[in-house]
N, C-alpha and C. Protein backbone atom coordinates (compact mmCIF):
# COMPACT_ATOMS: atom_id res chain seq x y z
N MET A 1 4.90 22.03 32.68
CA MET A 1 4.94 21.49 31.46
C MET A 1 5.98 21.02 30.73
N SER A 2 6.59 19.88 30.97
CA SER A 2 7.88 19.45 30.04
C SER A 2 7.95 19.07 28.61
N ILE A 3 8.14 19.27 27.61
CA ILE A 3 8.38 18.96 26.33
C ILE A 3 9.87 18.22 26.05
N GLU A 4 9.62 16.74 25.74
CA GLU A 4 10.57 15.80 25.23
C GLU A 4 11.20 16.12 24.18
N ALA A 5 12.47 16.02 23.76
CA ALA A 5 13.10 16.27 22.69
C ALA A 5 12.67 14.81 21.56
N VAL A 6 12.46 15.61 20.33
CA VAL A 6 12.25 14.25 19.66
C VAL A 6 13.48 13.35 19.35
N SER A 7 13.86 11.97 19.49
CA SER A 7 14.63 11.45 18.80
C SER A 7 14.88 11.34 17.56
N TYR A 8 15.86 11.18 17.05
CA TYR A 8 16.22 10.83 15.47
C TYR A 8 16.08 9.31 15.51
N LEU A 9 15.21 8.86 14.51
CA LEU A 9 15.45 7.70 14.43
C LEU A 9 15.98 7.31 12.96
N ALA A 10 16.86 6.35 13.14
CA ALA A 10 17.95 5.90 12.09
C ALA A 10 16.93 4.86 10.93
N PRO A 11 17.56 4.84 9.77
CA PRO A 11 16.87 3.85 9.08
C PRO A 11 17.22 2.76 9.31
N SER A 12 16.45 1.73 9.10
CA SER A 12 17.07 0.22 8.88
C SER A 12 17.99 0.10 8.15
N GLN A 13 17.80 0.17 6.59
CA GLN A 13 18.85 0.16 5.86
C GLN A 13 19.43 1.37 5.61
N PRO A 14 21.20 1.52 5.34
CA PRO A 14 21.47 2.34 4.72
C PRO A 14 20.80 3.24 3.23
N ILE A 15 20.82 4.33 3.41
CA ILE A 15 20.12 4.74 2.11
C ILE A 15 21.01 4.51 0.94
N GLY A 16 22.51 4.24 1.02
CA GLY A 16 23.00 3.75 -0.23
C GLY A 16 22.86 2.48 -0.86
N THR A 17 22.20 1.86 -0.15
CA THR A 17 21.96 0.24 -0.44
C THR A 17 20.84 0.20 -1.44
N GLU A 18 19.43 1.39 -1.19
CA GLU A 18 18.28 1.50 -1.75
C GLU A 18 18.90 1.61 -3.24
N VAL A 19 19.74 2.85 -3.36
CA VAL A 19 20.04 3.49 -4.46
C VAL A 19 20.95 2.25 -5.59
N LYS A 20 21.67 1.66 -4.99
CA LYS A 20 22.61 0.69 -5.63
C LYS A 20 21.68 -0.82 -6.26
N SER A 21 20.65 -0.88 -5.45
CA SER A 21 20.10 -2.06 -5.85
C SER A 21 19.29 -1.42 -7.25
N ALA A 22 18.49 0.01 -6.93
CA ALA A 22 17.99 0.64 -8.20
C ALA A 22 18.68 0.85 -9.48
N ALA A 23 20.08 1.24 -9.19
CA ALA A 23 21.03 1.20 -10.09
C ALA A 23 21.55 -0.12 -10.84
N THR A 24 21.63 -0.94 -10.13
CA THR A 24 21.82 -2.45 -11.00
C THR A 24 20.94 -2.86 -12.25
N GLY A 25 19.58 -2.39 -11.95
CA GLY A 25 18.53 -2.94 -12.55
C GLY A 25 18.33 -4.44 -12.55
N VAL A 26 18.39 -4.79 -11.21
CA VAL A 26 17.74 -6.36 -11.20
C VAL A 26 16.41 -6.54 -11.36
N SER A 27 16.18 -7.37 -12.16
CA SER A 27 14.56 -7.49 -12.68
C SER A 27 14.26 -8.41 -11.95
N GLY A 28 12.67 -8.17 -11.83
CA GLY A 28 11.76 -8.96 -10.71
C GLY A 28 11.81 -8.01 -9.44
N ASP A 29 12.22 -6.77 -9.08
CA ASP A 29 12.23 -6.19 -7.82
C ASP A 29 10.90 -5.37 -7.88
N PHE A 30 10.86 -4.83 -9.13
CA PHE A 30 9.37 -3.79 -9.13
C PHE A 30 8.27 -5.00 -9.16
N SER A 31 8.36 -5.92 -9.91
CA SER A 31 7.09 -6.97 -10.07
C SER A 31 7.01 -7.73 -8.73
N THR A 32 7.93 -7.97 -7.90
CA THR A 32 7.73 -8.38 -6.56
C THR A 32 7.18 -7.64 -5.62
N TRP A 33 7.49 -6.26 -5.63
CA TRP A 33 7.08 -5.32 -4.79
C TRP A 33 5.57 -5.10 -5.15
N LEU A 34 5.23 -4.91 -6.20
CA LEU A 34 3.88 -5.00 -6.88
C LEU A 34 3.00 -6.09 -6.22
N ASN A 35 3.38 -7.09 -6.72
CA ASN A 35 2.70 -8.32 -5.98
C ASN A 35 2.57 -8.47 -4.84
N GLN A 36 3.32 -8.36 -4.12
CA GLN A 36 3.42 -8.14 -2.23
C GLN A 36 2.16 -6.99 -2.07
N HIS A 37 1.97 -6.05 -2.58
CA HIS A 37 1.13 -5.01 -2.27
C HIS A 37 -0.27 -5.25 -2.56
N VAL A 38 -0.20 -5.73 -3.86
CA VAL A 38 -1.56 -6.23 -4.41
C VAL A 38 -2.00 -7.35 -3.42
N ASP A 39 -1.25 -8.30 -3.12
CA ASP A 39 -1.48 -9.20 -2.22
C ASP A 39 -1.92 -8.94 -1.14
N GLY A 40 -1.34 -7.70 -0.51
CA GLY A 40 -1.78 -7.27 1.17
C GLY A 40 -3.14 -6.58 0.69
N LEU A 41 -3.08 -5.72 -0.62
CA LEU A 41 -4.36 -5.17 -0.80
C LEU A 41 -5.62 -6.28 -0.59
N ASN A 42 -5.40 -7.21 -1.35
CA ASN A 42 -6.40 -8.37 -1.37
C ASN A 42 -6.90 -8.75 -0.08
N GLN A 43 -5.71 -8.83 0.59
CA GLN A 43 -5.87 -9.79 2.12
C GLN A 43 -6.90 -8.82 2.82
N GLN A 44 -6.04 -7.33 2.67
CA GLN A 44 -7.14 -6.46 3.71
C GLN A 44 -8.61 -6.35 3.33
N LEU A 45 -8.94 -6.57 1.71
CA LEU A 45 -10.50 -6.60 1.35
C LEU A 45 -10.96 -7.54 1.92
N LEU A 46 -10.19 -8.96 2.02
CA LEU A 46 -10.88 -10.21 2.51
C LEU A 46 -11.00 -10.03 4.20
N GLU A 47 -10.47 -9.26 4.76
CA GLU A 47 -10.59 -9.22 6.24
C GLU A 47 -11.76 -8.20 6.44
N SER A 48 -11.51 -7.35 5.46
CA SER A 48 -13.05 -6.38 6.02
C SER A 48 -14.20 -7.04 5.43
N ASP A 49 -14.29 -7.87 4.63
CA ASP A 49 -15.24 -8.40 4.13
C ASP A 49 -15.74 -9.45 5.23
N ASN A 50 -15.06 -10.09 5.90
CA ASN A 50 -15.12 -10.89 6.95
C ASN A 50 -15.52 -10.27 8.06
N GLN A 51 -15.22 -9.13 8.39
CA GLN A 51 -15.52 -8.43 9.55
C GLN A 51 -17.08 -7.97 9.17
N LEU A 52 -17.51 -7.59 7.96
CA LEU A 52 -18.61 -7.31 7.53
C LEU A 52 -19.80 -7.86 8.00
N ARG A 53 -19.21 -9.17 7.39
CA ARG A 53 -20.14 -10.59 7.48
C ARG A 53 -20.68 -10.79 8.77
N SER A 54 -19.38 -10.63 9.58
CA SER A 54 -19.79 -11.33 11.31
C SER A 54 -20.52 -10.14 11.98
N LEU A 55 -20.25 -8.96 11.38
CA LEU A 55 -21.29 -7.55 11.87
C LEU A 55 -22.82 -7.94 11.78
N ALA A 56 -22.70 -8.54 10.11
CA ALA A 56 -24.26 -8.54 9.71
C ALA A 56 -25.10 -9.85 10.70
N MET A 57 -24.13 -10.79 11.07
CA MET A 57 -24.74 -11.93 11.68
C MET A 57 -24.69 -11.78 12.92
N GLY A 58 -24.16 -10.73 13.53
CA GLY A 58 -24.38 -10.22 15.01
C GLY A 58 -23.32 -10.89 15.82
N LYS A 59 -22.24 -11.53 15.24
CA LYS A 59 -21.14 -12.14 15.92
C LYS A 59 -20.17 -10.83 16.31
N THR A 60 -20.35 -9.57 15.80
CA THR A 60 -19.67 -8.27 16.43
C THR A 60 -20.25 -7.46 16.74
N GLU A 61 -19.78 -7.09 17.96
CA GLU A 61 -20.48 -5.52 18.78
C GLU A 61 -19.87 -4.35 18.31
N ASN A 62 -18.63 -4.54 17.90
CA ASN A 62 -17.58 -3.32 17.87
C ASN A 62 -17.63 -2.92 16.62
N LEU A 63 -19.23 -1.78 16.33
CA LEU A 63 -19.09 -1.31 15.01
C LEU A 63 -18.19 -0.33 14.46
N HIS A 64 -17.23 0.48 15.53
CA HIS A 64 -16.43 1.26 15.31
C HIS A 64 -15.21 0.48 14.70
N GLN A 65 -14.81 -0.52 14.92
CA GLN A 65 -13.65 -1.59 14.56
C GLN A 65 -13.75 -1.71 13.05
N VAL A 66 -15.06 -1.97 13.02
CA VAL A 66 -15.62 -2.50 11.36
C VAL A 66 -15.49 -1.49 10.59
N MET A 67 -15.86 -0.34 11.11
CA MET A 67 -16.24 0.58 10.06
C MET A 67 -14.79 1.34 9.99
N LEU A 68 -14.04 1.29 10.88
CA LEU A 68 -12.52 1.70 10.44
C LEU A 68 -11.90 0.87 9.78
N SER A 69 -11.98 -0.33 9.79
CA SER A 69 -11.14 -1.26 8.84
C SER A 69 -11.94 -1.27 7.41
N LEU A 70 -13.38 -0.87 6.90
CA LEU A 70 -13.85 -0.67 5.81
C LEU A 70 -13.18 0.87 5.10
N GLU A 71 -13.09 1.92 6.11
CA GLU A 71 -12.36 2.80 5.39
C GLU A 71 -11.07 2.72 5.13
N GLN A 72 -10.34 2.28 5.85
CA GLN A 72 -8.93 1.93 5.41
C GLN A 72 -8.68 1.28 4.52
N THR A 73 -9.59 0.26 4.30
CA THR A 73 -9.49 -0.69 2.85
C THR A 73 -9.95 -0.10 1.76
N LYS A 74 -10.90 1.30 1.86
CA LYS A 74 -11.58 1.88 1.13
C LYS A 74 -10.04 2.95 0.70
N ILE A 75 -9.62 3.41 1.51
CA ILE A 75 -8.52 4.22 1.20
C ILE A 75 -7.29 3.73 0.34
N SER A 76 -7.16 2.52 0.85
CA SER A 76 -6.14 1.69 0.13
C SER A 76 -6.56 1.23 -1.24
N PHE A 77 -7.64 0.98 -1.11
CA PHE A 77 -7.99 0.46 -2.91
C PHE A 77 -8.10 1.76 -3.93
N GLU A 78 -8.46 2.86 -3.01
CA GLU A 78 -8.10 4.11 -4.25
C GLU A 78 -6.93 4.36 -4.46
N LEU A 79 -5.88 4.53 -3.42
CA LEU A 79 -4.56 4.73 -3.67
C LEU A 79 -4.07 3.65 -4.55
N ALA A 80 -4.19 2.42 -4.74
CA ALA A 80 -3.64 1.39 -5.62
C ALA A 80 -4.64 1.76 -6.96
N LEU A 81 -5.71 1.98 -7.05
CA LEU A 81 -6.30 2.72 -8.05
C LEU A 81 -5.72 4.15 -8.82
N GLN A 82 -5.19 4.69 -8.11
CA GLN A 82 -4.74 6.12 -8.59
C GLN A 82 -3.25 5.86 -8.99
N VAL A 83 -2.60 4.76 -8.29
CA VAL A 83 -1.33 4.33 -8.73
C VAL A 83 -1.39 3.50 -10.18
N ARG A 84 -2.40 2.90 -10.44
CA ARG A 84 -2.49 2.03 -11.53
C ARG A 84 -2.98 3.25 -12.82
N ASN A 85 -3.56 4.24 -12.50
CA ASN A 85 -3.91 5.14 -13.47
C ASN A 85 -2.82 6.02 -13.69
N LYS A 86 -1.74 6.19 -13.03
CA LYS A 86 -0.59 6.97 -13.23
C LYS A 86 0.25 6.13 -14.18
N LEU A 87 0.45 4.77 -13.59
CA LEU A 87 1.31 3.96 -14.41
C LEU A 87 0.63 3.76 -15.91
N LEU A 88 -0.23 3.92 -16.08
CA LEU A 88 -1.01 3.62 -17.38
C LEU A 88 -0.79 5.01 -18.22
N ASP A 89 -0.93 6.11 -17.49
CA ASP A 89 -0.50 7.32 -18.28
C ASP A 89 0.73 7.55 -18.84
N ALA A 90 1.64 6.95 -17.78
CA ALA A 90 3.00 7.23 -18.10
C ALA A 90 3.55 6.27 -19.05
N TYR A 91 2.81 4.92 -19.03
CA TYR A 91 2.95 4.06 -20.09
C TYR A 91 2.53 4.69 -21.69
N GLN A 92 1.42 5.09 -21.54
CA GLN A 92 0.76 5.75 -22.86
C GLN A 92 1.92 6.86 -23.09
N ASP A 93 2.02 7.63 -22.23
CA ASP A 93 3.19 8.80 -22.81
C ASP A 93 4.16 8.26 -23.46
N ILE A 94 4.92 7.10 -23.04
CA ILE A 94 5.87 6.28 -23.30
C ILE A 94 5.77 5.78 -24.85
N MET A 95 4.68 5.15 -25.09
CA MET A 95 4.17 4.81 -26.41
C MET A 95 3.94 5.64 -27.46
N ARG A 96 3.67 7.04 -27.03
CA ARG A 96 3.53 8.20 -27.80
C ARG A 96 4.62 8.70 -28.52
N MET A 97 5.77 8.45 -27.79
CA MET A 97 7.11 8.98 -28.20
C MET A 97 7.65 8.63 -29.28
N GLN A 98 8.07 9.57 -30.11
CA GLN A 98 8.54 9.11 -31.05
C GLN A 98 10.43 8.98 -31.30
N ILE A 99 10.69 7.96 -31.71
CA ILE A 99 12.02 7.62 -31.64
C ILE A 99 13.07 7.97 -33.01
């Protein structure tokens, strides 16, 4: 039994470019990122709903794929909810700070 070495995967972008873009403070980056992820979550919810409807109508026979899609959507939604809660907590902490 031979074990192959794990090859190093180089990042698609140099690490310094991420830091530079964050340091310049370009407005709209976070909101664009957030909108993309919320849209992606919405799309995932719609796809899971369509799969569930087709299963209920008898058009889909692959129950495992539908259940896997539903669980992935549930976990993604819970993650988004926890991120929202952390952002609200951070905002409330900032608002309570005395200047």
